[in-house]
Amino acid sequence: MRNFLIRILVYLSFFSILVFYRLDGFQISKIKRSSKASHEIVLGDNFETIKNILNKDFSYLGKGHQCFVFESEDGEYVIKLLNYRRFNLPPIVMPFKFVPHLKKMQQDRALRLQPSLESYRLAQHFLKEETGIIYVQMQNSSFHKVIKLKDKANSIHKIDLYDVDFVLQKKAKPIFDHLETLYHNDKESFKRSIGSFLDVVSSRINKNIVDDDLDVEINYGFYKEKAILIDPGRIFIDSRLFSQKNREEEMRKSTKNLRTWILNKHPDMLSFFDQQLALKAGA
């Protein structure tokens, strides 16, 4: 009997792991809001645009540290669903959350939530153009709207957006893929795209907003010909950017990864990049 139970547990564990990797970790329980939503808010003139986008079906695209990402059927938009599991212990250990070590772990995870929520709210209010954000719902609910999501295993889920937190955003092509294509086909468009990227970074900094995540490769992309900050999940206002010296330093930090990529991949464009960076940093 004991050996039989052990075999059952092994099979169940193997099955759970298989399902986890097949779905890339996505589960409906992970996106359900962990607390009640606040009062409803008014969407204003943007309501019809949001409603029309959400009438589309969405398919699984990937995941980040904070969200599961689904792409609209026309490839124009993404909906990012906040992963609340990131801010809580796994259910299997929750009954033991008062054990000192686990209690500290839960506290640390819970502390991540508010900065993430505030980052997306900040992006919605001050960086809509720079991020391509259409709408953000974070711990409030605007309407009951059921959407269809197709997960990685092609299973269909119907989700009422009243119960989840999400970001609706224009879908961008990864920055390096975009630039690499332009370099080989249209160098003038390549230069304009560099200028667009620098404009986005400069605009953010001029609004006294710091981005604590400097990974250009995964955080920036292009919607058509316009650069956008794909992931504004770690931004915050910092009064130190009132100083010109600090703004210039933030500009250099925020563009360092792209400069390194140009140096390694297309060094003939480095002088152009440095010239444009100097102009933007001094603006």
C-alpha atoms as a PDB file:
ATOM      1  CA  MET A   1       0.000   0.000   0.000  1.00  0.00           C
ATOM      2  CA  ARG A   2       2.781   2.425   0.921  1.00  0.00           C
ATOM      3  CA  ASN A   3       4.620   1.783  -2.358  1.00  0.00           C
ATOM      4  CA  PHE A   4       1.376   2.278  -4.271  1.00  0.00           C
ATOM      5  CA  LEU A   5       0.797   5.686  -2.649  1.00  0.00           C
ATOM      6  CA  ILE A   6       4.378   6.718  -3.384  1.00  0.00           C
ATOM      7  CA  ARG A   7       3.906   5.806  -7.043  1.00  0.00           C
ATOM      8  CA  ILE A   8       0.680   7.794  -7.187  1.00  0.00           C
ATOM      9  CA  LEU A   9       2.416  10.844  -5.691  1.00  0.00           C
ATOM     10  CA  VAL A  10       5.295  10.513  -8.171  1.00  0.00           C
ATOM     11  CA  TYR A  11       2.860  10.299 -11.087  1.00  0.00           C
ATOM     12  CA  LEU A  12       0.866  13.279  -9.832  1.00  0.00           C
ATOM     13  CA  SER A  13       4.032  15.321  -9.368  1.00  0.00           C
ATOM     14  CA  PHE A  14       5.238  14.424 -12.852  1.00  0.00           C
ATOM     15  CA  PHE A  15       1.838  15.296 -14.322  1.00  0.00           C
ATOM     16  CA  SER A  16       1.791  18.649 -12.499  1.00  0.00           C
ATOM     17  CA  ILE A  17       5.245  19.529 -13.780  1.00  0.00           C
ATOM     18  CA  LEU A  18       4.250  18.521 -17.311  1.00  0.00           C
ATOM     19  CA  VAL A  19       1.139  20.699 -17.200  1.00  0.00           C
ATOM     20  CA  PHE A  20       3.124  23.605 -15.724  1.00  0.00           C
ATOM     21  CA  TYR A  21       5.654  23.613 -18.564  1.00  0.00           C
ATOM     22  CA  ARG A  22       3.033  22.944 -21.209  1.00  0.00           C
ATOM     23  CA  LEU A  23       1.127  26.032 -20.082  1.00  0.00           C
ATOM     24  CA  ASP A  24       4.256  28.083 -19.311  1.00  0.00           C
ATOM     25  CA  GLY A  25       2.996  28.456 -15.744  1.00  0.00           C
ATOM     26  CA  PHE A  26      -0.280  30.132 -16.722  1.00  0.00           C
ATOM     27  CA  GLN A  27      -3.282  29.364 -14.511  1.00  0.00           C
ATOM     28  CA  ILE A  28      -6.545  31.238 -14.071  1.00  0.00           C
ATOM     29  CA  SER A  29      -6.073  31.229 -10.299  1.00  0.00           C
ATOM     30  CA  LYS A  30      -2.863  33.238 -10.703  1.00  0.00           C
ATOM     31  CA  ILE A  31      -4.536  36.203 -12.388  1.00  0.00           C
ATOM     32  CA  LYS A  32      -7.519  36.528 -10.046  1.00  0.00           C
ATOM     33  CA  ARG A  33      -7.289  39.710  -7.998  1.00  0.00           C
ATOM     34  CA  SER A  34      -6.305  38.929  -4.430  1.00  0.00           C
ATOM     35  CA  SER A  35      -8.472  41.667  -2.914  1.00  0.00           C
ATOM     36  CA  LYS A  36     -11.756  43.395  -3.677  1.00  0.00           C
ATOM     37  CA  ALA A  37     -11.730  46.051  -6.347  1.00  0.00           C
ATOM     38  CA  SER A  38     -12.397  49.668  -5.481  1.00  0.00           C
ATOM     39  CA  HIS A  39     -15.319  51.656  -6.894  1.00  0.00           C
ATOM     40  CA  GLU A  40     -15.843  51.753 -10.616  1.00  0.00           C
ATOM     41  CA  ILE A  41     -14.152  54.491 -12.606  1.00  0.00           C
ATOM     42  CA  VAL A  42     -15.257  56.336 -15.725  1.00  0.00           C
ATOM     43  CA  LEU A  43     -13.506  55.429 -18.961  1.00  0.00           C
ATOM     44  CA  GLY A  44     -14.624  58.559 -20.815  1.00  0.00           C
ATOM     45  CA  ASP A  45     -14.031  58.954 -24.554  1.00  0.00           C
ATOM     46  CA  ASN A  46     -11.681  55.977 -24.612  1.00  0.00           C
ATOM     47  CA  PHE A  47     -14.451  53.492 -23.819  1.00  0.00           C
ATOM     48  CA  GLU A  48     -15.398  52.579 -27.395  1.00  0.00           C
ATOM     49  CA  THR A  49     -11.763  52.056 -28.382  1.00  0.00           C
ATOM     50  CA  ILE A  50     -11.169  49.774 -25.394  1.00  0.00           C
ATOM     51  CA  LYS A  51     -14.391  47.849 -25.984  1.00  0.00           C
ATOM     52  CA  ASN A  52     -13.614  47.271 -29.669  1.00  0.00           C
ATOM     53  CA  ILE A  53     -10.148  45.947 -28.883  1.00  0.00           C
ATOM     54  CA  LEU A  54     -11.444  43.659 -26.151  1.00  0.00           C
ATOM     55  CA  ASN A  55     -14.020  42.188 -28.533  1.00  0.00           C
ATOM     56  CA  LYS A  56     -11.094  40.432 -30.227  1.00  0.00           C
ATOM     57  CA  ASP A  57      -9.826  37.013 -29.169  1.00  0.00           C
ATOM     58  CA  PHE A  58      -6.387  36.817 -27.556  1.00  0.00           C
ATOM     59  CA  SER A  59      -3.756  34.066 -27.739  1.00  0.00           C
ATOM     60  CA  TYR A  60      -0.889  33.340 -25.357  1.00  0.00           C
ATOM     61  CA  LEU A  61       2.316  35.184 -26.240  1.00  0.00           C
ATOM     62  CA  GLY A  62       4.586  34.830 -23.203  1.00  0.00           C
ATOM     63  CA  LYS A  63       5.177  35.947 -19.644  1.00  0.00           C
ATOM     64  CA  GLY A  64       7.322  38.409 -17.759  1.00  0.00           C
ATOM     65  CA  HIS A  65       8.173  38.842 -14.100  1.00  0.00           C
ATOM     66  CA  GLN A  66       4.803  40.457 -13.354  1.00  0.00           C
ATOM     67  CA  CYS A  67       2.342  39.515 -16.092  1.00  0.00           C
ATOM     68  CA  PHE A  68       1.084  36.884 -18.499  1.00  0.00           C
ATOM     69  CA  VAL A  69       0.856  38.352 -22.004  1.00  0.00           C
ATOM     70  CA  PHE A  70      -1.757  37.566 -24.669  1.00  0.00           C
ATOM     71  CA  GLU A  71      -1.801  38.875 -28.246  1.00  0.00           C
ATOM     72  CA  SER A  72      -4.927  40.022 -30.109  1.00  0.00           C
ATOM     73  CA  GLU A  73      -5.969  38.034 -33.152  1.00  0.00           C
ATOM     74  CA  ASP A  74      -4.985  40.893 -35.489  1.00  0.00           C
ATOM     75  CA  GLY A  75      -1.516  41.165 -33.930  1.00  0.00           C
ATOM     76  CA  GLU A  76      -1.990  44.840 -33.084  1.00  0.00           C
ATOM     77  CA  TYR A  77      -2.450  44.702 -29.308  1.00  0.00           C
ATOM     78  CA  VAL A  78      -1.498  42.815 -26.186  1.00  0.00           C
ATOM     79  CA  ILE A  79      -3.300  42.369 -22.907  1.00  0.00           C
ATOM     80  CA  LYS A  80      -1.065  41.838 -19.879  1.00  0.00           C
ATOM     81  CA  LEU A  81      -2.707  40.099 -16.936  1.00  0.00           C
ATOM     82  CA  LEU A  82      -1.101  40.702 -13.568  1.00  0.00           C
ATOM     83  CA  ASN A  83       0.269  37.487 -12.049  1.00  0.00           C
ATOM     84  CA  TYR A  84      -0.723  37.651  -8.383  1.00  0.00           C
ATOM     85  CA  ARG A  85       1.214  34.500  -7.601  1.00  0.00           C
ATOM     86  CA  ARG A  86       4.371  36.622  -7.845  1.00  0.00           C
ATOM     87  CA  PHE A  87       3.180  38.489  -4.755  1.00  0.00           C
ATOM     88  CA  ASN A  88       2.142  35.466  -2.680  1.00  0.00           C
ATOM     89  CA  LEU A  89       3.550  32.135  -1.606  1.00  0.00           C
ATOM     90  CA  PRO A  90       2.466  29.078  -3.642  1.00  0.00           C
ATOM     91  CA  PRO A  91      -0.796  27.553  -2.332  1.00  0.00           C
ATOM     92  CA  ILE A  92       0.979  24.356  -1.291  1.00  0.00           C
ATOM     93  CA  VAL A  93       2.972  26.226   1.387  1.00  0.00           C
ATOM     94  CA  MET A  94       0.346  28.836   2.377  1.00  0.00           C
ATOM     95  CA  PRO A  95      -0.921  26.712   5.331  1.00  0.00           C
ATOM     96  CA  PHE A  96       2.587  27.055   6.802  1.00  0.00           C
ATOM     97  CA  LYS A  97       2.974  30.791   6.110  1.00  0.00           C
ATOM     98  CA  PHE A  98       3.357  31.571   9.823  1.00  0.00           C
ATOM     99  CA  VAL A  99       6.607  29.635  10.010  1.00  0.00           C
ATOM    100  CA  PRO A 100       9.174  32.440  10.576  1.00  0.00           C
ATOM    101  CA  HIS A 101      11.144  31.849   7.368  1.00  0.00           C
ATOM    102  CA  LEU A 102       8.013  31.552   5.222  1.00  0.00           C
ATOM    103  CA  LYS A 103       6.402  34.523   6.956  1.00  0.00           C
ATOM    104  CA  LYS A 104       9.373  36.691   6.006  1.00  0.00           C
ATOM    105  CA  MET A 105       9.237  35.356   2.445  1.00  0.00           C
ATOM    106  CA  GLN A 106       5.532  36.203   2.188  1.00  0.00           C
ATOM    107  CA  GLN A 107       6.136  39.705   3.540  1.00  0.00           C
ATOM    108  CA  ASP A 108       8.911  40.276   1.007  1.00  0.00           C
ATOM    109  CA  ARG A 109       6.679  39.123  -1.840  1.00  0.00           C
ATOM    110  CA  ALA A 110       3.750  41.250  -0.703  1.00  0.00           C
ATOM    111  CA  LEU A 111       5.985  44.327  -0.657  1.00  0.00           C
ATOM    112  CA  ARG A 112       6.475  43.965  -4.419  1.00  0.00           C
ATOM    113  CA  LEU A 113       2.805  44.583  -5.182  1.00  0.00           C
ATOM    114  CA  GLN A 114       2.279  48.285  -4.505  1.00  0.00           C
ATOM    115  CA  PRO A 115       5.372  49.474  -6.436  1.00  0.00           C
ATOM    116  CA  SER A 116       4.194  47.414  -9.429  1.00  0.00           C
ATOM    117  CA  LEU A 117       0.670  48.816  -9.266  1.00  0.00           C
ATOM    118  CA  GLU A 118       1.977  52.367  -8.911  1.00  0.00           C
ATOM    119  CA  SER A 119       4.354  51.919 -11.856  1.00  0.00           C
ATOM    120  CA  TYR A 120       1.519  51.007 -14.220  1.00  0.00           C
ATOM    121  CA  ARG A 121      -0.683  53.808 -12.904  1.00  0.00           C
ATOM    122  CA  LEU A 122       2.167  56.238 -13.399  1.00  0.00           C
ATOM    123  CA  ALA A 123       2.650  55.023 -16.957  1.00  0.00           C
ATOM    124  CA  GLN A 124      -1.040  55.453 -17.711  1.00  0.00           C
ATOM    125  CA  HIS A 125      -1.151  59.014 -16.403  1.00  0.00           C
ATOM    126  CA  PHE A 126       2.165  60.363 -17.662  1.00  0.00           C
ATOM    127  CA  LEU A 127       3.621  58.026 -20.312  1.00  0.00           C
ATOM    128  CA  LYS A 128       0.730  56.831 -22.471  1.00  0.00           C
ATOM    129  CA  GLU A 129       2.409  57.906 -25.700  1.00  0.00           C
ATOM    130  CA  GLU A 130       5.822  56.654 -24.635  1.00  0.00           C
ATOM    131  CA  THR A 131       4.469  53.216 -23.661  1.00  0.00           C
ATOM    132  CA  GLY A 132       1.672  52.653 -26.165  1.00  0.00           C
ATOM    133  CA  ILE A 133      -0.672  52.032 -23.235  1.00  0.00           C
ATOM    134  CA  ILE A 134      -4.364  52.258 -24.033  1.00  0.00           C
ATOM    135  CA  TYR A 135      -5.777  51.387 -20.637  1.00  0.00           C
ATOM    136  CA  VAL A 136      -4.633  50.201 -17.203  1.00  0.00           C
ATOM    137  CA  GLN A 137      -6.850  48.533 -14.610  1.00  0.00           C
ATOM    138  CA  MET A 138      -5.085  48.021 -11.297  1.00  0.00           C
ATOM    139  CA  GLN A 139      -7.219  47.168  -8.249  1.00  0.00           C
ATOM    140  CA  ASN A 140     -10.239  48.929  -9.651  1.00  0.00           C
ATOM    141  CA  SER A 141     -12.861  47.614 -12.049  1.00  0.00           C
ATOM    142  CA  SER A 142     -14.342  49.583 -14.890  1.00  0.00           C
ATOM    143  CA  PHE A 143     -16.824  47.192 -16.420  1.00  0.00           C
ATOM    144  CA  HIS A 144     -17.910  43.587 -16.702  1.00  0.00           C
ATOM    145  CA  LYS A 145     -16.395  42.357 -19.948  1.00  0.00           C
ATOM    146  CA  VAL A 146     -15.817  38.706 -20.735  1.00  0.00           C
ATOM    147  CA  ILE A 147     -12.938  38.038 -23.111  1.00  0.00           C
ATOM    148  CA  LYS A 148     -11.626  34.861 -24.698  1.00  0.00           C
ATOM    149  CA  LEU A 149      -8.057  33.786 -24.022  1.00  0.00           C
ATOM    150  CA  LYS A 150      -6.315  30.890 -25.760  1.00  0.00           C
ATOM    151  CA  ASP A 151      -3.524  29.468 -23.599  1.00  0.00           C
ATOM    152  CA  LYS A 152      -0.285  27.888 -24.782  1.00  0.00           C
ATOM    153  CA  ALA A 153      -1.984  24.485 -25.042  1.00  0.00           C
ATOM    154  CA  ASN A 154      -4.735  26.044 -27.238  1.00  0.00           C
ATOM    155  CA  SER A 155      -7.400  25.705 -24.541  1.00  0.00           C
ATOM    156  CA  ILE A 156      -9.968  28.508 -24.474  1.00  0.00           C
ATOM    157  CA  HIS A 157     -10.703  30.420 -21.262  1.00  0.00           C
ATOM    158  CA  LYS A 158     -13.441  32.994 -20.730  1.00  0.00           C
ATOM    159  CA  ILE A 159     -12.306  35.689 -18.300  1.00  0.00           C
ATOM    160  CA  ASP A 160     -14.403  38.445 -16.763  1.00  0.00           C
ATOM    161  CA  LEU A 161     -12.088  41.443 -16.660  1.00  0.00           C
ATOM    162  CA  TYR A 162     -13.969  42.746 -13.632  1.00  0.00           C
ATOM    163  CA  ASP A 163     -12.038  40.187 -11.560  1.00  0.00           C
ATOM    164  CA  VAL A 164      -8.505  40.773 -12.845  1.00  0.00           C
ATOM    165  CA  ASP A 165      -5.928  43.526 -13.197  1.00  0.00           C
ATOM    166  CA  PHE A 166      -4.549  44.179 -16.643  1.00  0.00           C
ATOM    167  CA  VAL A 167      -2.765  46.475 -19.057  1.00  0.00           C
ATOM    168  CA  LEU A 168      -4.035  46.970 -22.611  1.00  0.00           C
ATOM    169  CA  GLN A 169      -1.221  48.069 -24.877  1.00  0.00           C
ATOM    170  CA  LYS A 170      -0.124  48.343 -28.496  1.00  0.00           C
ATOM    171  CA  LYS A 171       1.993  45.368 -29.539  1.00  0.00           C
ATOM    172  CA  ALA A 172       5.580  46.264 -30.355  1.00  0.00           C
ATOM    173  CA  LYS A 173       8.229  44.484 -32.379  1.00  0.00           C
ATOM    174  CA  PRO A 174      11.363  43.807 -30.280  1.00  0.00           C
ATOM    175  CA  ILE A 175      13.809  46.673 -30.618  1.00  0.00           C
ATOM    176  CA  PHE A 176      16.831  44.749 -31.884  1.00  0.00           C
ATOM    177  CA  ASP A 177      14.805  42.799 -34.458  1.00  0.00           C
ATOM    178  CA  HIS A 178      13.356  46.066 -35.735  1.00  0.00           C
ATOM    179  CA  LEU A 179      16.707  47.836 -35.933  1.00  0.00           C
ATOM    180  CA  GLU A 180      18.503  44.866 -37.504  1.00  0.00           C
ATOM    181  CA  THR A 181      15.947  44.694 -40.312  1.00  0.00           C
ATOM    182  CA  LEU A 182      16.185  48.421 -40.995  1.00  0.00           C
ATOM    183  CA  TYR A 183      19.986  48.448 -40.964  1.00  0.00           C
ATOM    184  CA  HIS A 184      20.110  46.036 -43.888  1.00  0.00           C
ATOM    185  CA  ASN A 185      17.231  47.601 -45.816  1.00  0.00           C
ATOM    186  CA  ASP A 186      16.894  51.294 -45.008  1.00  0.00           C
ATOM    187  CA  LYS A 187      19.646  53.033 -43.041  1.00  0.00           C
ATOM    188  CA  GLU A 188      17.784  56.340 -42.958  1.00  0.00           C
ATOM    189  CA  SER A 189      14.844  54.623 -41.259  1.00  0.00           C
ATOM    190  CA  PHE A 190      17.371  52.988 -38.919  1.00  0.00           C
ATOM    191  CA  LYS A 191      18.579  56.453 -37.918  1.00  0.00           C
ATOM    192  CA  ARG A 192      15.028  57.734 -37.444  1.00  0.00           C
ATOM    193  CA  SER A 193      14.285  54.759 -35.232  1.00  0.00           C
ATOM    194  CA  ILE A 194      17.329  55.534 -33.093  1.00  0.00           C
ATOM    195  CA  GLY A 195      16.030  59.075 -32.788  1.00  0.00           C
ATOM    196  CA  SER A 196      12.579  57.800 -31.801  1.00  0.00           C
ATOM    197  CA  PHE A 197      14.076  55.604 -29.066  1.00  0.00           C
ATOM    198  CA  LEU A 198      16.085  58.523 -27.688  1.00  0.00           C
ATOM    199  CA  ASP A 199      12.963  60.725 -27.787  1.00  0.00           C
ATOM    200  CA  VAL A 200      11.059  58.225 -25.621  1.00  0.00           C
ATOM    201  CA  VAL A 201      13.846  57.983 -23.052  1.00  0.00           C
ATOM    202  CA  SER A 202      14.314  61.747 -23.023  1.00  0.00           C
ATOM    203  CA  SER A 203      10.585  62.370 -22.616  1.00  0.00           C
ATOM    204  CA  ARG A 204      10.411  60.037 -19.626  1.00  0.00           C
ATOM    205  CA  ILE A 205      13.398  61.687 -17.971  1.00  0.00           C
ATOM    206  CA  ASN A 206      12.032  65.183 -18.590  1.00  0.00           C
ATOM    207  CA  LYS A 207       8.949  64.124 -16.642  1.00  0.00           C
ATOM    208  CA  ASN A 208      11.253  63.210 -13.714  1.00  0.00           C
ATOM    209  CA  ILE A 209      10.524  59.498 -14.087  1.00  0.00           C
ATOM    210  CA  VAL A 210      13.252  56.928 -13.451  1.00  0.00           C
ATOM    211  CA  ASP A 211      13.191  53.423 -14.932  1.00  0.00           C
ATOM    212  CA  ASP A 212      14.816  50.942 -12.580  1.00  0.00           C
ATOM    213  CA  ASP A 213      14.992  48.246 -15.288  1.00  0.00           C
ATOM    214  CA  LEU A 214      17.672  49.094 -17.845  1.00  0.00           C
ATOM    215  CA  ASP A 215      17.373  45.987 -20.046  1.00  0.00           C
ATOM    216  CA  VAL A 216      16.688  47.697 -23.370  1.00  0.00           C
ATOM    217  CA  GLU A 217      16.376  44.412 -25.277  1.00  0.00           C
ATOM    218  CA  ILE A 218      13.246  43.217 -23.471  1.00  0.00           C
ATOM    219  CA  ASN A 219      11.792  46.551 -22.361  1.00  0.00           C
ATOM    220  CA  TYR A 220      11.679  48.494 -25.627  1.00  0.00           C
ATOM    221  CA  GLY A 221      10.167  47.853 -29.014  1.00  0.00           C
ATOM    222  CA  PHE A 222       8.586  49.546 -32.004  1.00  0.00           C
ATOM    223  CA  TYR A 223       4.945  49.936 -32.863  1.00  0.00           C
ATOM    224  CA  LYS A 224       5.147  50.601 -36.576  1.00  0.00           C
ATOM    225  CA  GLU A 225       7.861  53.273 -36.723  1.00  0.00           C
ATOM    226  CA  LYS A 226       7.524  54.585 -33.181  1.00  0.00           C
ATOM    227  CA  ALA A 227       9.627  53.400 -30.240  1.00  0.00           C
ATOM    228  CA  ILE A 228       7.733  52.515 -27.075  1.00  0.00           C
ATOM    229  CA  LEU A 229       8.655  51.413 -23.578  1.00  0.00           C
ATOM    230  CA  ILE A 230       7.074  47.948 -23.536  1.00  0.00           C
ATOM    231  CA  ASP A 231       7.435  47.254 -19.832  1.00  0.00           C
ATOM    232  CA  PRO A 232       6.983  50.230 -17.464  1.00  0.00           C
ATOM    233  CA  GLY A 233       6.654  47.952 -14.432  1.00  0.00           C
ATOM    234  CA  ARG A 234       9.565  49.459 -12.483  1.00  0.00           C
ATOM    235  CA  ILE A 235       9.253  53.208 -12.938  1.00  0.00           C
ATOM    236  CA  PHE A 236       8.935  55.900 -10.285  1.00  0.00           C
ATOM    237  CA  ILE A 237       9.140  59.675  -9.905  1.00  0.00           C
ATOM    238  CA  ASP A 238      12.454  60.961  -8.591  1.00  0.00           C
ATOM    239  CA  SER A 239      12.951  64.642  -7.775  1.00  0.00           C
ATOM    240  CA  ARG A 240      16.690  64.254  -8.297  1.00  0.00           C
ATOM    241  CA  LEU A 241      16.009  64.473 -12.028  1.00  0.00           C
ATOM    242  CA  PHE A 242      15.363  68.185 -11.576  1.00  0.00           C
ATOM    243  CA  SER A 243      19.150  68.406 -11.760  1.00  0.00           C
ATOM    244  CA  GLN A 244      20.599  68.602 -15.273  1.00  0.00           C
ATOM    245  CA  LYS A 245      23.574  66.503 -14.194  1.00  0.00           C
ATOM    246  CA  ASN A 246      21.303  63.725 -12.921  1.00  0.00           C
ATOM    247  CA  ARG A 247      19.163  63.850 -16.063  1.00  0.00           C
ATOM    248  CA  GLU A 248      22.259  63.386 -18.211  1.00  0.00           C
ATOM    249  CA  GLU A 249      23.391  60.464 -16.063  1.00  0.00           C
ATOM    250  CA  GLU A 250      19.951  58.827 -16.287  1.00  0.00           C
ATOM    251  CA  MET A 251      20.048  59.286 -20.063  1.00  0.00           C
ATOM    252  CA  ARG A 252      23.423  57.568 -20.307  1.00  0.00           C
ATOM    253  CA  LYS A 253      22.338  54.681 -18.049  1.00  0.00           C
ATOM    254  CA  SER A 254      19.088  54.181 -19.932  1.00  0.00           C
ATOM    255  CA  THR A 255      20.768  54.047 -23.347  1.00  0.00           C
ATOM    256  CA  LYS A 256      23.920  52.143 -22.429  1.00  0.00           C
ATOM    257  CA  ASN A 257      22.646  48.736 -23.553  1.00  0.00           C
ATOM    258  CA  LEU A 258      21.597  50.032 -26.958  1.00  0.00           C
ATOM    259  CA  ARG A 259      24.923  51.795 -27.411  1.00  0.00           C
ATOM    260  CA  THR A 260      26.744  48.536 -26.616  1.00  0.00           C
ATOM    261  CA  TRP A 261      24.597  46.684 -29.164  1.00  0.00           C
ATOM    262  CA  ILE A 262      25.389  49.246 -31.859  1.00  0.00           C
ATOM    263  CA  LEU A 263      29.094  49.131 -30.992  1.00  0.00           C
ATOM    264  CA  ASN A 264      29.151  45.342 -31.361  1.00  0.00           C
ATOM    265  CA  LYS A 265      26.788  44.959 -34.305  1.00  0.00           C
ATOM    266  CA  HIS A 266      26.997  48.129 -36.389  1.00  0.00           C
ATOM    267  CA  PRO A 267      29.971  50.256 -35.282  1.00  0.00           C
ATOM    268  CA  ASP A 268      29.615  52.476 -38.356  1.00  0.00           C
ATOM    269  CA  MET A 269      26.489  53.914 -36.667  1.00  0.00           C
ATOM    270  CA  LEU A 270      28.145  54.622 -33.337  1.00  0.00           C
ATOM    271  CA  SER A 271      29.173  58.197 -34.076  1.00  0.00           C
ATOM    272  CA  PHE A 272      25.628  58.995 -35.210  1.00  0.00           C
ATOM    273  CA  PHE A 273      24.224  57.472 -32.020  1.00  0.00           C
ATOM    274  CA  ASP A 274      26.651  59.374 -29.791  1.00  0.00           C
ATOM    275  CA  GLN A 275      25.878  62.621 -31.574  1.00  0.00           C
ATOM    276  CA  GLN A 276      22.126  62.180 -31.136  1.00  0.00           C
ATOM    277  CA  LEU A 277      22.558  61.104 -27.517  1.00  0.00           C
ATOM    278  CA  ALA A 278      24.559  64.232 -26.741  1.00  0.00           C
ATOM    279  CA  LEU A 279      21.829  66.385 -28.262  1.00  0.00           C
ATOM    280  CA  LYS A 280      19.060  64.679 -26.273  1.00  0.00           C
ATOM    281  CA  ALA A 281      21.018  64.585 -23.019  1.00  0.00           C
ATOM    282  CA  GLY A 282      21.673  68.300 -23.217  1.00  0.00           C
ATOM    283  CA  ALA A 283      18.109  69.211 -24.149  1.00  0.00           C
END
